[in-house]
Amino acid sequence: AIDALCLHAAGSAFLQQAAHLTGGLHFHPKKSMSALQHLLQSLSADTTTRKALSVHQPLGVDFRASCFCHKQAVDIGYVCCVCLSIF
């Protein structure tokens, strides 16, 4: 399981997708002061212990691909047949 604690204001769609697909946790706290609380409360427990804890997870996961050039999420894009980059 991949766990992610994103402190950047914009967040990370890649880390959110990786945490969702592996059954891990993804947190994006509103205040950086609450990051220590998330680390100690949820991310330090192993996966079997987490099932007994009541961990709040956001419902929406953005599964859109990101443009290779602009690093923006796109609804419809073109894939390079040589390098498989999305444009």
Protein backbone atom coordinates (compact mmCIF):
# COMPACT_ATOMS: atom_id res chain seq x y z
CA ALA A 1 0.00 0.00 0.00
CA ILE A 2 1.23 3.47 -0.90
CA ASP A 3 0.45 6.22 1.60
CA ALA A 4 0.76 9.88 0.66
CA LEU A 5 0.67 13.09 2.66
CA CYS A 6 0.67 16.00 0.23
CA LEU A 7 1.70 19.37 1.67
CA HIS A 8 1.77 21.26 -1.64
CA ALA A 9 -1.15 23.63 -2.18
CA ALA A 10 -2.03 22.20 -5.61
CA GLY A 11 -1.95 18.55 -4.51
CA SER A 12 -0.82 15.61 -6.60
CA ALA A 13 -3.17 13.62 -8.81
CA PHE A 14 -0.50 10.95 -9.34
CA LEU A 15 -0.08 10.29 -5.60
CA GLN A 16 -3.85 10.28 -5.13
CA GLN A 17 -4.26 7.68 -7.88
CA ALA A 18 -1.37 5.55 -6.58
CA ALA A 19 -2.77 5.54 -3.04
CA HIS A 20 -6.26 4.63 -4.26
CA LEU A 21 -5.11 1.81 -6.55
CA THR A 22 -2.87 0.19 -3.92
CA GLY A 23 -5.34 0.51 -1.05
CA GLY A 24 -3.29 3.14 0.74
CA LEU A 25 -4.22 6.50 2.21
CA HIS A 26 -3.96 9.96 0.68
CA PHE A 27 -4.18 13.08 2.82
CA HIS A 28 -4.10 16.68 1.72
CA PRO A 29 -4.48 18.67 4.96
CA LYS A 30 -5.79 22.22 4.75
CA LYS A 31 -3.30 23.44 7.35
CA SER A 32 0.28 22.20 7.46
CA MET A 33 0.06 22.13 11.27
CA SER A 34 -2.32 19.16 11.10
CA ALA A 35 0.19 17.09 9.10
CA LEU A 36 1.79 15.69 12.25
CA GLN A 37 -1.62 14.59 13.52
CA HIS A 38 -2.30 12.72 10.25
CA LEU A 39 1.14 11.10 10.37
CA LEU A 40 0.75 9.86 13.91
CA GLN A 41 -2.91 8.90 13.77
CA SER A 42 -3.29 7.18 10.41
CA LEU A 43 -0.11 6.74 8.45
CA SER A 44 1.93 5.12 11.23
CA ALA A 45 -0.51 2.20 11.58
CA ASP A 46 -0.12 -0.88 9.39
CA THR A 47 -2.79 -1.93 6.90
CA THR A 48 -4.49 -4.48 9.19
CA THR A 49 -4.74 -1.99 12.07
CA ARG A 50 -6.16 0.70 9.75
CA LYS A 51 -9.22 -1.41 9.08
CA ALA A 52 -10.18 -1.06 12.75
CA LEU A 53 -9.58 2.71 12.72
CA SER A 54 -12.12 5.16 11.38
CA VAL A 55 -10.06 6.93 8.72
CA HIS A 56 -11.71 9.67 6.67
CA GLN A 57 -10.90 9.40 2.98
CA PRO A 58 -12.05 11.80 0.26
CA LEU A 59 -14.58 10.25 -2.09
CA GLY A 60 -13.45 11.66 -5.42
CA VAL A 61 -10.30 10.43 -7.14
CA ASP A 62 -9.24 12.23 -10.31
CA PHE A 63 -8.34 9.52 -12.83
CA ARG A 64 -7.72 11.91 -15.71
CA ALA A 65 -4.35 11.74 -17.43
CA SER A 66 -1.88 14.63 -17.27
CA CYS A 67 -0.43 16.37 -20.29
CA PHE A 68 3.30 15.74 -20.66
CA CYS A 69 4.07 19.32 -21.71
CA HIS A 70 1.81 21.40 -19.48
CA LYS A 71 1.35 19.06 -16.47
CA GLN A 72 -2.40 19.78 -16.54
CA ALA A 73 -5.16 17.17 -16.33
CA VAL A 74 -6.85 16.59 -19.69
CA ASP A 75 -10.17 14.95 -20.53
CA ILE A 76 -9.19 14.02 -24.08
CA GLY A 77 -5.58 13.78 -25.20
CA TYR A 78 -3.29 12.30 -27.82
CA VAL A 79 -0.83 9.53 -27.01
CA CYS A 80 2.54 9.37 -28.76
CA CYS A 81 2.93 5.90 -30.28
CA VAL A 82 6.71 5.91 -29.67
CA CYS A 83 7.11 7.13 -26.07
CA LEU A 84 3.46 6.82 -24.84
CA SER A 85 3.43 10.42 -23.60
CA ILE A 86 0.06 12.13 -23.38
CA PHE A 87 -0.39 15.50 -25.12
